Amino acid sequence: MSTTPAQTNYDILILGAGLAGLQCGVILSRNGYKVLVLEKNNHIGGTLQSFDFKGIQFTTGLHYMGSLDEGQVLNRLFHYFNLLDGISFKRLDEHGFDVFNIGGKKFALPMGWNAYAAFLIDQFPEEESSVRRYVSAIESTVNEQEIFNLHEPVNYYHEKPSQSVNAWDFICSLTENPELRQVFSALNFVYAGDKNATPWYVHALINHYFISSSYRIVGSSSQIPERLKLEIEKTGGQVLTRQKVTKLLFDEDRLSGVLCEDGSTFFGEKMISNIHPIATMNLIENGRIRKSFRNRLEQKTDTLSAFAIYLKLEPGKFRYQNNNYNFYLQSDVWYASGYDTIRWPEHYFIHFPADEPDPKWVNHLSIVTHMSFEEVVEWEHLPSNARGADYKQFKREKADKLLKLVFLEFPELEYLITDYTTATPLTFRDYVGSPTGSMYGTLRDYRFPLASYVGVRTKIPNLYFTGQNLNLHGVMGVSMSALLTCAEFVNLPDLLNKINDQS
């Protein structure tokens, strides 16, 4: 833990050391601002954190990332943040970076849009025109999202046509082939897509991001937040852990500082909240912010949370796979739309960690599936160490059910597991600060494109938002939110020029 400084006035206080908060800290401290980042947990990084289980480092949320080939968007961003210096990334199998078992039929998605189109046309030769229309629609949608191409937005808060189009409806309009519809939708898990709500632009950006190229980090995912912390400190900024903010302090109608759980106070001219908008509102006493604004944020729906099993395996017995494995019991990858507690589980995602550049074996695995917060609500107000025998039994039963499904495809695993631990929506809530443990932030709804959008600015003149709830989740979406937040403090065209020059 960093030492708590004597009372100091900062230019900018950043609440939450998730990816966006740390990226804002780097950008703003490099531009001469005196920055302090406050994190409630022992470790920084949000879902980039790793944790130790019996001598093995497990990743909590960062399983892979896209668009990291030389010159691609995330590559340029990582160059700017010095994340390619001393941190290794492993390129996944270009012939099948994600393998999908959809209702018993397997598809291995290749990287690169030419290869992707050729693969689908080979699988569905009678659907060539549908495939080409799909690829063209992805390209045009991505091109209209200027910031995701590292171009200055024409209008930051202007509704784009693709934001008011339902993703599933649009996919259905391209083809009547039920199997091709599911393959188009295959990457659904990484944004918890809802057939009734998810906009087309979310689908397009996520698919473009991963299909362009896909990588996983070599070693611990916590390398990324730790490097960003160093970058902040290089330019005089500070990052403090175990500083849980409990109240925002005011001087008339402007924020003046924060009060922390241990009684510490920190003062700043402006503040950026990298914590969930609802959690942010809970730090503001009634009467300080317009009730309609508070209500709008509190009424937002979060995407589904997750249940995860972290397996410790006998060394040298289970082969590394240079891809992710996605299993769907039913022939429908829109699992979040039809989530059913009785039939659970019907899906899982397996992450094969790369603890070295060219692994042959893995001694641990992460297996993740969706879970509703409602399944753990009876324990939501209890500390993690006081949830009792019923909670432990709940986790054991869920783990047994999920492993039973996994063993159908990987029967050898049953005899290689030496130990395991689990995470529920309560675990993810505690890690990421989302009230319902959502891994993907607030649900975007094509029916209410602007109402489901969280802007950078709030109704308090010196309070700003950043993070996955603004526009899009994941490394790419969160990074873009950091750029848009920092545009309130620095010249965005100049910043984008610096980032684009990194390649």
Protein backbone atom coordinates (compact mmCIF):
# COMPACT_ATOMS: atom_id res chain seq x y z
CA MET A 1 0.00 0.00 0.00
CA SER A 2 1.23 3.50 -0.82
CA THR A 3 1.73 5.86 2.08
CA THR A 4 -1.16 8.27 2.64
CA PRO A 5 0.16 11.79 1.92
CA ALA A 6 -0.38 14.79 4.13
CA GLN A 7 -3.42 16.84 3.17
CA THR A 8 -2.80 18.05 -0.37
CA ASN A 9 -4.87 19.74 -3.01
CA TYR A 10 -4.82 17.92 -6.33
CA ASP A 11 -5.88 19.09 -9.76
CA ILE A 12 -7.80 15.86 -10.36
CA LEU A 13 -8.97 13.06 -8.08
CA ILE A 14 -9.77 9.78 -9.84
CA LEU A 15 -12.03 7.37 -7.97
CA GLY A 16 -11.28 3.76 -8.86
CA ALA A 17 -8.10 2.25 -10.30
CA GLY A 18 -9.71 0.19 -13.02
CA LEU A 19 -8.29 0.38 -16.54
CA ALA A 20 -10.02 3.64 -17.51
CA GLY A 21 -9.15 5.36 -14.23
CA LEU A 22 -5.48 4.44 -14.62
CA GLN A 23 -5.43 5.45 -18.29
CA CYS A 24 -6.95 8.82 -17.40
CA GLY A 25 -4.27 9.14 -14.74
CA VAL A 26 -1.50 8.53 -17.29
CA ILE A 27 -2.90 10.95 -19.88
CA LEU A 28 -3.63 13.76 -17.45
CA SER A 29 -0.41 13.48 -15.44
CA ARG A 30 1.55 13.55 -18.72
CA ASN A 31 -0.30 16.76 -19.55
CA GLY A 32 0.79 18.50 -16.36
CA TYR A 33 -2.12 17.79 -14.03
CA LYS A 34 -1.47 16.84 -10.42
CA VAL A 35 -3.35 13.52 -10.23
CA LEU A 36 -4.33 11.19 -7.39
CA VAL A 37 -6.01 7.83 -8.06
CA LEU A 38 -7.87 6.22 -5.13
CA GLU A 39 -8.68 2.51 -5.07
CA LYS A 40 -10.76 0.75 -2.41
CA ASN A 41 -9.24 -2.71 -2.92
CA ASN A 42 -5.84 -4.02 -1.96
CA HIS A 43 -4.90 -4.31 -5.63
CA ILE A 44 -5.46 -2.06 -8.62
CA GLY A 45 -6.88 -3.01 -12.00
CA GLY A 46 -10.54 -4.01 -11.56
CA THR A 47 -11.09 -7.03 -13.82
CA LEU A 48 -7.42 -6.81 -14.85
CA GLN A 49 -6.47 -8.00 -11.38
CA SER A 50 -4.97 -11.42 -10.86
CA PHE A 51 -5.27 -13.42 -7.67
CA ASP A 52 -3.18 -16.16 -6.11
CA PHE A 53 -4.78 -19.51 -5.37
CA LYS A 54 -2.40 -22.00 -3.77
CA GLY A 55 0.62 -20.67 -5.61
CA ILE A 56 -1.01 -20.10 -9.01
CA GLN A 57 -1.93 -16.73 -10.50
CA PHE A 58 -5.42 -16.62 -12.01
CA THR A 59 -6.83 -13.86 -14.20
CA THR A 60 -10.17 -12.46 -13.00
CA GLY A 61 -11.59 -10.96 -16.17
CA LEU A 62 -9.06 -10.26 -18.94
CA HIS A 63 -9.08 -13.48 -20.97
CA TYR A 64 -8.08 -12.05 -24.34
CA MET A 65 -8.02 -8.82 -26.33
CA GLY A 66 -8.37 -7.83 -29.96
CA SER A 67 -6.90 -5.51 -32.59
CA LEU A 68 -3.34 -5.78 -31.28
CA ASP A 69 -1.59 -6.47 -34.58
CA GLU A 70 0.97 -3.82 -35.54
CA GLY A 71 -0.80 -0.59 -36.53
CA GLN A 72 -4.23 -1.72 -35.34
CA VAL A 73 -6.13 0.46 -32.89
CA LEU A 74 -5.32 -1.31 -29.61
CA ASN A 75 -1.71 -1.69 -30.70
CA ARG A 76 -1.41 2.10 -31.09
CA LEU A 77 -3.07 2.66 -27.71
CA PHE A 78 -0.78 0.16 -26.00
CA HIS A 79 2.25 1.83 -27.59
CA TYR A 80 1.10 5.17 -26.18
CA PHE A 81 0.67 3.75 -22.67
CA ASN A 82 4.01 1.84 -22.87
CA LEU A 83 2.17 -1.47 -22.43
CA LEU A 84 4.19 -3.18 -25.16
CA ASP A 85 7.47 -2.52 -23.37
CA GLY A 86 8.32 -5.46 -21.11
CA ILE A 87 4.88 -7.13 -21.32
CA SER A 88 4.45 -10.07 -23.71
CA PHE A 89 1.30 -10.95 -25.60
CA LYS A 90 0.60 -14.22 -27.40
CA ARG A 91 -1.21 -14.14 -30.73
CA LEU A 92 -3.95 -16.75 -30.80
CA ASP A 93 -4.38 -19.33 -33.54
CA GLU A 94 -5.19 -17.37 -36.67
CA HIS A 95 -7.05 -20.37 -38.07
CA GLY A 96 -9.33 -20.59 -35.03
CA PHE A 97 -8.82 -18.07 -32.23
CA ASP A 98 -12.26 -18.90 -30.83
CA VAL A 99 -13.74 -22.37 -31.17
CA PHE A 100 -17.51 -22.67 -30.77
CA ASN A 101 -19.52 -25.79 -30.11
CA ILE A 102 -23.08 -24.69 -30.87
CA GLY A 103 -25.62 -27.40 -30.19
CA GLY A 104 -23.11 -30.12 -31.08
CA LYS A 105 -21.56 -28.55 -34.21
CA LYS A 106 -18.10 -26.93 -34.03
CA PHE A 107 -16.89 -23.79 -35.75
CA ALA A 108 -13.35 -22.39 -35.46
CA LEU A 109 -13.36 -18.67 -36.27
CA PRO A 110 -10.25 -17.48 -38.13
CA MET A 111 -8.63 -14.08 -37.69
CA GLY A 112 -8.81 -11.39 -40.34
CA TRP A 113 -11.88 -10.36 -42.23
CA ASN A 114 -10.85 -11.92 -45.55
CA ALA A 115 -10.17 -15.25 -43.85
CA TYR A 116 -13.39 -14.95 -41.82
CA ALA A 117 -15.50 -14.32 -44.93
CA ALA A 118 -13.81 -17.15 -46.83
CA PHE A 119 -14.42 -19.54 -43.92
CA LEU A 120 -18.14 -18.73 -43.72
CA ILE A 121 -18.59 -18.94 -47.48
CA ASP A 122 -16.92 -22.36 -47.41
CA GLN A 123 -19.25 -23.46 -44.58
CA PHE A 124 -22.36 -21.89 -46.14
CA PRO A 125 -21.69 -21.66 -49.92
CA GLU A 126 -25.31 -20.81 -50.71
CA GLU A 127 -25.09 -17.84 -48.34
CA GLU A 128 -22.18 -15.96 -49.94
CA SER A 129 -24.18 -12.79 -50.50
CA SER A 130 -25.39 -12.85 -46.88
CA VAL A 131 -21.81 -13.20 -45.61
CA ARG A 132 -20.58 -10.33 -47.76
CA ARG A 133 -23.46 -8.09 -46.67
CA TYR A 134 -22.65 -8.91 -43.05
CA VAL A 135 -18.95 -8.07 -43.42
CA SER A 136 -19.79 -4.87 -45.28
CA ALA A 137 -22.26 -3.83 -42.56
CA ILE A 138 -19.61 -4.41 -39.86
CA GLU A 139 -17.12 -2.26 -41.76
CA SER A 140 -19.52 0.63 -42.35
CA THR A 141 -20.71 0.58 -38.72
CA VAL A 142 -17.16 0.61 -37.34
CA ASN A 143 -16.24 3.45 -39.68
CA GLU A 144 -19.06 5.62 -38.34
CA GLN A 145 -17.75 5.26 -34.78
CA GLU A 146 -14.93 7.80 -35.13
CA ILE A 147 -13.34 7.44 -31.69
CA PHE A 148 -12.99 3.66 -32.19
CA ASN A 149 -10.80 4.48 -35.19
CA LEU A 150 -8.86 7.04 -33.12
CA HIS A 151 -10.46 9.90 -35.05
CA GLU A 152 -12.02 12.92 -33.39
CA PRO A 153 -15.81 12.48 -33.07
CA VAL A 154 -17.85 14.89 -35.17
CA ASN A 155 -20.40 15.10 -32.35
CA TYR A 156 -19.67 13.38 -29.03
CA TYR A 157 -23.31 12.83 -28.07
CA HIS A 158 -24.94 12.47 -31.48
CA GLU A 159 -26.98 9.30 -32.00
CA LYS A 160 -25.56 7.06 -34.73
CA PRO A 161 -27.95 5.06 -36.94
CA SER A 162 -26.49 1.73 -35.75
CA GLN A 163 -27.34 2.59 -32.13
CA SER A 164 -31.07 2.36 -32.82
CA VAL A 165 -30.95 -0.94 -34.73
CA ASN A 166 -31.46 -4.24 -32.91
CA ALA A 167 -28.48 -6.57 -33.47
CA TRP A 168 -30.48 -9.80 -33.64
CA ASP A 169 -33.14 -8.33 -35.91
CA PHE A 170 -30.47 -7.01 -38.27
CA ILE A 171 -28.67 -10.36 -38.38
CA CYS A 172 -32.00 -12.07 -39.13
CA SER A 173 -32.59 -9.63 -41.99
CA LEU A 174 -29.36 -10.78 -43.64
CA THR A 175 -30.15 -14.50 -43.79
CA GLU A 176 -32.90 -16.99 -43.06
CA ASN A 177 -30.37 -19.72 -42.32
CA PRO A 178 -30.71 -20.40 -38.56
CA GLU A 179 -27.22 -21.85 -38.25
CA LEU A 180 -25.51 -18.92 -39.99
CA ARG A 181 -27.41 -16.50 -37.76
CA GLN A 182 -25.85 -18.20 -34.74
CA VAL A 183 -22.35 -18.18 -36.23
CA PHE A 184 -22.66 -14.47 -37.00
CA SER A 185 -23.62 -14.05 -33.34
CA ALA A 186 -21.01 -16.45 -31.97
CA LEU A 187 -19.00 -13.88 -29.97
CA ASN A 188 -22.12 -13.04 -28.00
CA PHE A 189 -20.72 -14.13 -24.62
CA VAL A 190 -18.12 -11.35 -24.53
CA TYR A 191 -20.86 -8.70 -24.35
CA ALA A 192 -23.77 -10.65 -22.79
CA GLY A 193 -25.96 -9.83 -25.75
CA ASP A 194 -29.71 -9.66 -25.31
CA LYS A 195 -31.86 -10.44 -28.34
CA ASN A 196 -34.44 -7.91 -27.19
CA ALA A 197 -32.11 -5.01 -26.45
CA THR A 198 -28.51 -5.14 -27.73
CA PRO A 199 -27.85 -2.57 -30.48
CA TRP A 200 -26.16 -3.52 -33.72
CA TYR A 201 -23.21 -1.16 -33.09
CA VAL A 202 -22.19 -3.13 -29.95
CA HIS A 203 -22.17 -6.37 -31.93
CA ALA A 204 -20.26 -4.76 -34.81
CA LEU A 205 -17.55 -3.16 -32.68
CA ILE A 206 -16.95 -6.29 -30.59
CA ASN A 207 -16.78 -8.58 -33.60
CA HIS A 208 -14.49 -6.21 -35.50
CA TYR A 209 -12.24 -5.90 -32.47
CA PHE A 210 -11.64 -9.64 -31.98
CA ILE A 211 -11.81 -10.88 -35.57
CA SER A 212 -9.22 -8.31 -36.71
CA SER A 213 -6.71 -10.06 -34.41
CA SER A 214 -6.80 -11.73 -31.01
CA TYR A 215 -4.17 -12.06 -28.29
CA ARG A 216 -3.82 -13.15 -24.68
CA ILE A 217 -1.33 -11.77 -22.21
CA VAL A 218 1.66 -13.93 -21.28
CA GLY A 219 1.65 -14.26 -17.51
CA SER A 220 -0.39 -12.23 -15.06
CA SER A 221 -2.97 -9.73 -16.32
CA SER A 222 -2.03 -7.49 -13.38
CA GLN A 223 1.05 -6.48 -15.38
CA ILE A 224 -1.11 -3.98 -17.26
CA PRO A 225 -2.42 -1.96 -14.27
CA GLU A 226 0.98 -2.12 -12.57
CA ARG A 227 2.65 -0.65 -15.67
CA LEU A 228 0.02 2.11 -15.87
CA LYS A 229 0.66 2.91 -12.20
CA LEU A 230 4.37 3.31 -12.96
CA GLU A 231 3.55 5.62 -15.87
CA ILE A 232 1.44 7.79 -13.57
CA GLU A 233 4.19 7.94 -10.97
CA LYS A 234 6.83 8.84 -13.59
CA THR A 235 5.11 12.17 -14.10
CA GLY A 236 4.41 12.92 -10.46
CA GLY A 237 0.98 11.34 -10.02
CA GLN A 238 0.01 9.00 -7.20
CA VAL A 239 -2.05 5.82 -6.87
CA LEU A 240 -3.27 4.77 -3.42
CA THR A 241 -4.91 1.45 -2.52
CA ARG A 242 -7.16 0.60 0.46
CA GLN A 243 -8.76 4.01 0.19
CA LYS A 244 -12.48 3.37 -0.03
CA VAL A 245 -14.31 6.62 -0.73
CA THR A 246 -17.47 6.85 1.38
CA LYS A 247 -18.59 10.41 0.67
CA LEU A 248 -18.10 13.20 -1.83
CA LEU A 249 -17.46 16.56 -0.16
CA PHE A 250 -18.92 19.82 -1.47
CA ASP A 251 -18.13 23.50 -1.39
CA GLU A 252 -21.52 24.98 -2.33
CA ASP A 253 -22.50 23.35 -5.67
CA ARG A 254 -19.05 22.06 -6.59
CA LEU A 255 -17.15 19.05 -5.37
CA SER A 256 -14.18 19.89 -3.18
CA GLY A 257 -12.90 16.50 -2.08
CA VAL A 258 -13.63 13.02 -0.78
CA LEU A 259 -13.88 11.34 2.60
CA CYS A 260 -12.51 7.80 2.89
CA GLU A 261 -13.51 4.95 5.18
CA ASP A 262 -10.40 5.33 7.33
CA GLY A 263 -11.13 9.03 7.91
CA SER A 264 -8.66 10.33 5.33
CA THR A 265 -9.74 13.30 3.23
CA PHE A 266 -8.37 14.28 -0.16
CA PHE A 267 -9.12 17.51 -2.01
CA GLY A 268 -9.19 18.21 -5.73
CA GLU A 269 -10.35 20.81 -8.22
CA LYS A 270 -12.06 18.18 -10.38
CA MET A 271 -13.01 14.52 -10.04
CA ILE A 272 -13.35 11.56 -12.37
CA SER A 273 -15.37 8.57 -11.23
CA ASN A 274 -14.25 5.23 -12.62
CA ILE A 275 -16.74 3.44 -10.37
CA HIS A 276 -20.25 2.42 -11.38
CA PRO A 277 -22.62 5.40 -11.85
CA ILE A 278 -25.05 4.04 -9.24
CA ALA A 279 -22.20 3.56 -6.74
CA THR A 280 -21.12 7.12 -7.50
CA MET A 281 -24.61 8.46 -6.78
CA ASN A 282 -24.57 6.63 -3.44
CA LEU A 283 -21.61 8.80 -2.39
CA ILE A 284 -23.61 12.01 -2.89
CA GLU A 285 -26.01 13.14 -0.21
CA ASN A 286 -29.60 13.90 -1.25
CA GLY A 287 -30.21 17.39 -2.53
CA ARG A 288 -26.76 17.79 -4.05
CA ILE A 289 -27.71 16.51 -7.48
CA ARG A 290 -30.86 16.77 -9.54
CA LYS A 291 -33.25 13.98 -8.60
CA SER A 292 -34.14 13.21 -12.22
CA PHE A 293 -30.46 12.64 -13.06
CA ARG A 294 -29.96 10.38 -10.05
CA ASN A 295 -33.12 8.42 -10.91
CA ARG A 296 -32.05 8.00 -14.54
CA LEU A 297 -28.77 6.43 -13.50
CA GLU A 298 -30.34 4.26 -10.80
CA GLN A 299 -32.91 2.88 -13.23
CA LYS A 300 -30.32 1.55 -15.67
CA THR A 301 -30.15 -2.20 -16.18
CA ASP A 302 -26.84 -4.03 -15.92
CA THR A 303 -25.79 -6.91 -18.14
CA LEU A 304 -25.62 -10.36 -16.56
CA SER A 305 -22.91 -11.28 -14.12
CA ALA A 306 -20.87 -14.48 -14.12
CA PHE A 307 -19.95 -17.64 -12.25
CA ALA A 308 -16.37 -18.85 -12.63
CA ILE A 309 -14.38 -21.91 -11.64
CA TYR A 310 -10.61 -21.64 -11.33
CA LEU A 311 -9.09 -25.10 -11.64
CA LYS A 312 -5.69 -26.23 -10.41
CA LEU A 313 -4.49 -29.21 -12.50
CA GLU A 314 -1.81 -31.87 -12.34
CA PRO A 315 1.21 -30.41 -14.17
CA GLY A 316 2.12 -31.73 -17.61
CA LYS A 317 -1.14 -33.58 -18.21
CA PHE A 318 -3.55 -31.16 -19.97
CA ARG A 319 -2.47 -29.63 -23.27
CA TYR A 320 -2.47 -25.89 -23.87
CA GLN A 321 -4.83 -24.74 -26.63
CA ASN A 322 -4.03 -21.51 -28.43
CA ASN A 323 -7.68 -20.55 -28.61
CA ASN A 324 -10.71 -20.09 -26.39
CA TYR A 325 -13.36 -22.80 -26.24
CA ASN A 326 -17.04 -21.85 -26.12
CA PHE A 327 -19.73 -24.46 -25.52
CA TYR A 328 -23.48 -24.01 -26.01
CA LEU A 329 -25.73 -26.92 -25.12
CA GLN A 330 -28.55 -25.45 -27.22
CA SER A 331 -28.28 -24.18 -30.78
CA ASP A 332 -28.54 -20.58 -29.59
CA VAL A 333 -25.57 -18.45 -28.54
CA TRP A 334 -27.85 -15.69 -27.20
CA TYR A 335 -27.73 -17.42 -23.84
CA ALA A 336 -28.18 -14.23 -21.82
CA SER A 337 -31.56 -13.69 -23.48
CA GLY A 338 -32.95 -17.04 -22.37
CA TYR A 339 -31.10 -17.47 -19.08
CA ASP A 340 -32.95 -19.96 -16.90
CA THR A 341 -31.95 -20.86 -13.34
CA ILE A 342 -33.57 -24.29 -13.62
CA ARG A 343 -31.72 -25.33 -16.79
CA TRP A 344 -28.42 -23.70 -15.75
CA PRO A 345 -25.75 -24.26 -16.94
CA GLU A 346 -26.13 -24.47 -20.69
CA HIS A 347 -22.95 -22.66 -21.65
CA TYR A 348 -19.31 -22.19 -20.69
CA PHE A 349 -16.16 -20.39 -21.85
CA ILE A 350 -12.73 -21.95 -21.24
CA HIS A 351 -9.64 -19.76 -20.98
CA PHE A 352 -6.27 -21.47 -21.50
CA PRO A 353 -3.67 -19.27 -19.79
CA ALA A 354 -0.30 -18.57 -21.42
CA ASP A 355 2.11 -18.49 -18.49
CA GLU A 356 5.04 -18.60 -20.89
CA PRO A 357 5.46 -17.59 -24.56
CA ASP A 358 5.11 -21.10 -26.02
CA PRO A 359 3.36 -23.34 -23.49
CA LYS A 360 2.72 -27.02 -24.20
CA TRP A 361 0.72 -27.75 -21.05
CA VAL A 362 -1.44 -25.83 -18.60
CA ASN A 363 -1.54 -26.39 -14.86
CA HIS A 364 -4.65 -24.27 -14.39
CA LEU A 365 -7.80 -23.26 -16.28
CA SER A 366 -10.56 -20.68 -15.91
CA ILE A 367 -14.12 -21.66 -16.83
CA VAL A 368 -16.76 -18.94 -16.95
CA THR A 369 -20.48 -18.80 -17.61
CA HIS A 370 -23.29 -16.32 -17.04
CA MET A 371 -25.12 -16.07 -13.74
CA SER A 372 -27.81 -13.69 -12.55
CA PHE A 373 -27.22 -11.62 -9.41
CA GLU A 374 -30.67 -12.76 -8.26
CA GLU A 375 -29.20 -16.18 -7.53
CA VAL A 376 -26.99 -14.77 -4.76
CA VAL A 377 -29.13 -11.90 -3.53
CA GLU A 378 -29.80 -13.54 -0.16
CA TRP A 379 -26.12 -13.07 0.77
CA GLU A 380 -25.60 -9.62 -0.78
CA HIS A 381 -25.38 -7.69 2.51
CA LEU A 382 -23.05 -10.12 4.26
CA PRO A 383 -19.25 -9.75 4.34
CA SER A 384 -17.40 -12.28 2.22
CA ASN A 385 -16.14 -14.11 5.31
CA ALA A 386 -19.58 -14.34 6.95
CA ARG A 387 -21.87 -15.79 4.25
CA GLY A 388 -22.02 -19.11 5.99
CA ALA A 389 -22.45 -22.78 5.12
CA ASP A 390 -25.43 -22.23 2.80
CA TYR A 391 -23.37 -19.99 0.51
CA LYS A 392 -20.51 -22.50 0.43
CA GLN A 393 -22.97 -25.26 -0.42
CA PHE A 394 -24.49 -23.10 -3.16
CA LYS A 395 -21.05 -22.63 -4.73
CA ARG A 396 -20.22 -26.34 -4.50
CA GLU A 397 -23.48 -27.35 -6.15
CA LYS A 398 -23.03 -24.82 -8.94
CA ALA A 399 -19.43 -25.89 -9.50
CA ASP A 400 -20.46 -29.56 -9.66
CA LYS A 401 -23.15 -28.80 -12.25
CA LEU A 402 -20.83 -26.72 -14.41
CA LEU A 403 -18.00 -29.27 -14.25
CA LYS A 404 -20.39 -32.06 -15.18
CA LEU A 405 -21.20 -30.15 -18.38
CA VAL A 406 -17.51 -29.48 -19.08
CA PHE A 407 -16.60 -33.17 -18.61
CA LEU A 408 -18.87 -34.09 -21.53
CA GLU A 409 -16.36 -32.43 -23.88
CA PHE A 410 -13.21 -32.79 -21.78
CA PRO A 411 -13.62 -36.09 -19.84
CA GLU A 412 -9.90 -36.26 -18.97
CA LEU A 413 -10.25 -33.13 -16.83
CA GLU A 414 -12.23 -35.03 -14.21
CA TYR A 415 -9.10 -36.92 -13.17
CA LEU A 416 -6.63 -34.01 -13.41
CA ILE A 417 -8.23 -31.48 -11.05
CA THR A 418 -6.30 -31.23 -7.79
CA ASP A 419 -8.22 -28.27 -6.37
CA TYR A 420 -10.45 -25.39 -7.38
CA THR A 421 -12.02 -22.17 -6.18
CA THR A 422 -15.05 -20.28 -7.48
CA ALA A 423 -16.33 -16.76 -8.04
CA THR A 424 -19.99 -15.69 -8.01
CA PRO A 425 -21.71 -12.41 -8.89
CA LEU A 426 -20.90 -11.31 -5.33
CA THR A 427 -17.19 -11.85 -6.01
CA PHE A 428 -17.33 -9.85 -9.22
CA ARG A 429 -19.33 -7.14 -7.48
CA ASP A 430 -16.55 -6.78 -4.93
CA TYR A 431 -13.84 -6.74 -7.61
CA VAL A 432 -15.41 -4.36 -10.13
CA GLY A 433 -17.74 -2.30 -7.94
CA SER A 434 -20.83 -2.97 -10.04
CA PRO A 435 -23.95 -3.28 -7.81
CA THR A 436 -24.92 -6.56 -9.53
CA GLY A 437 -21.44 -7.85 -10.33
CA SER A 438 -21.91 -7.19 -14.05
CA MET A 439 -18.82 -8.00 -16.09
CA TYR A 440 -19.92 -5.83 -19.01
CA GLY A 441 -21.44 -2.74 -17.42
CA THR A 442 -24.83 -1.27 -18.16
CA LEU A 443 -27.05 -2.82 -20.83
CA ARG A 444 -27.22 -0.83 -24.06
CA ASP A 445 -30.73 -0.80 -25.49
CA TYR A 446 -31.44 0.01 -29.14
CA ARG A 447 -34.92 1.22 -28.18
CA PHE A 448 -33.47 3.95 -25.97
CA PRO A 449 -30.05 4.68 -27.50
CA LEU A 450 -29.39 7.96 -25.70
CA ALA A 451 -31.20 7.06 -22.48
CA SER A 452 -29.05 3.93 -22.09
CA TYR A 453 -25.89 5.94 -22.79
CA VAL A 454 -23.92 7.35 -19.85
CA GLY A 455 -22.15 10.58 -20.76
CA VAL A 456 -18.80 11.85 -19.51
CA ARG A 457 -20.35 14.94 -17.92
CA THR A 458 -22.63 14.85 -14.91
CA LYS A 459 -24.98 17.43 -13.41
CA ILE A 460 -22.22 18.42 -11.00
CA PRO A 461 -19.94 20.81 -12.90
CA ASN A 462 -16.61 19.31 -11.81
CA LEU A 463 -17.54 15.60 -11.70
CA TYR A 464 -16.96 13.35 -14.72
CA PHE A 465 -17.48 9.68 -15.51
CA THR A 466 -15.20 7.19 -17.22
CA GLY A 467 -15.11 3.41 -17.65
CA GLN A 468 -17.08 0.58 -19.18
CA ASN A 469 -20.50 2.05 -18.45
CA LEU A 470 -19.99 4.99 -20.82
CA ASN A 471 -19.94 3.47 -24.27
CA LEU A 472 -18.55 -0.04 -24.47
CA HIS A 473 -16.88 -2.50 -22.09
CA GLY A 474 -13.68 -4.47 -22.50
CA VAL A 475 -10.13 -3.19 -23.00
CA MET A 476 -11.06 -1.37 -26.20
CA GLY A 477 -14.31 0.18 -25.00
CA VAL A 478 -12.86 1.23 -21.66
CA SER A 479 -9.83 2.78 -23.36
CA MET A 480 -12.09 4.84 -25.60
CA SER A 481 -14.04 6.05 -22.59
CA ALA A 482 -10.77 7.24 -21.06
CA LEU A 483 -9.99 9.24 -24.20
CA LEU A 484 -13.44 10.86 -24.19
CA THR A 485 -13.16 11.71 -20.50
CA CYS A 486 -9.71 13.22 -20.94
CA ALA A 487 -11.05 15.31 -23.84
CA GLU A 488 -12.71 17.43 -21.13
CA PHE A 489 -9.22 18.37 -19.89
CA VAL A 490 -6.83 18.18 -22.85
CA ASN A 491 -7.02 18.87 -26.56
CA LEU A 492 -8.40 15.64 -28.06
CA PRO A 493 -6.96 16.10 -31.60
CA ASP A 494 -3.50 16.59 -30.10
CA LEU A 495 -3.91 13.51 -27.92
CA LEU A 496 -5.11 11.40 -30.84
CA ASN A 497 -2.18 12.60 -32.96
CA LYS A 498 0.23 11.44 -30.24
CA ILE A 499 -1.47 8.06 -30.06
CA ASN A 500 -1.60 7.61 -33.83
CA ASP A 501 2.06 8.58 -34.14
CA GLN A 502 3.05 5.72 -31.81
CA SER A 503 2.84 3.20 -34.63
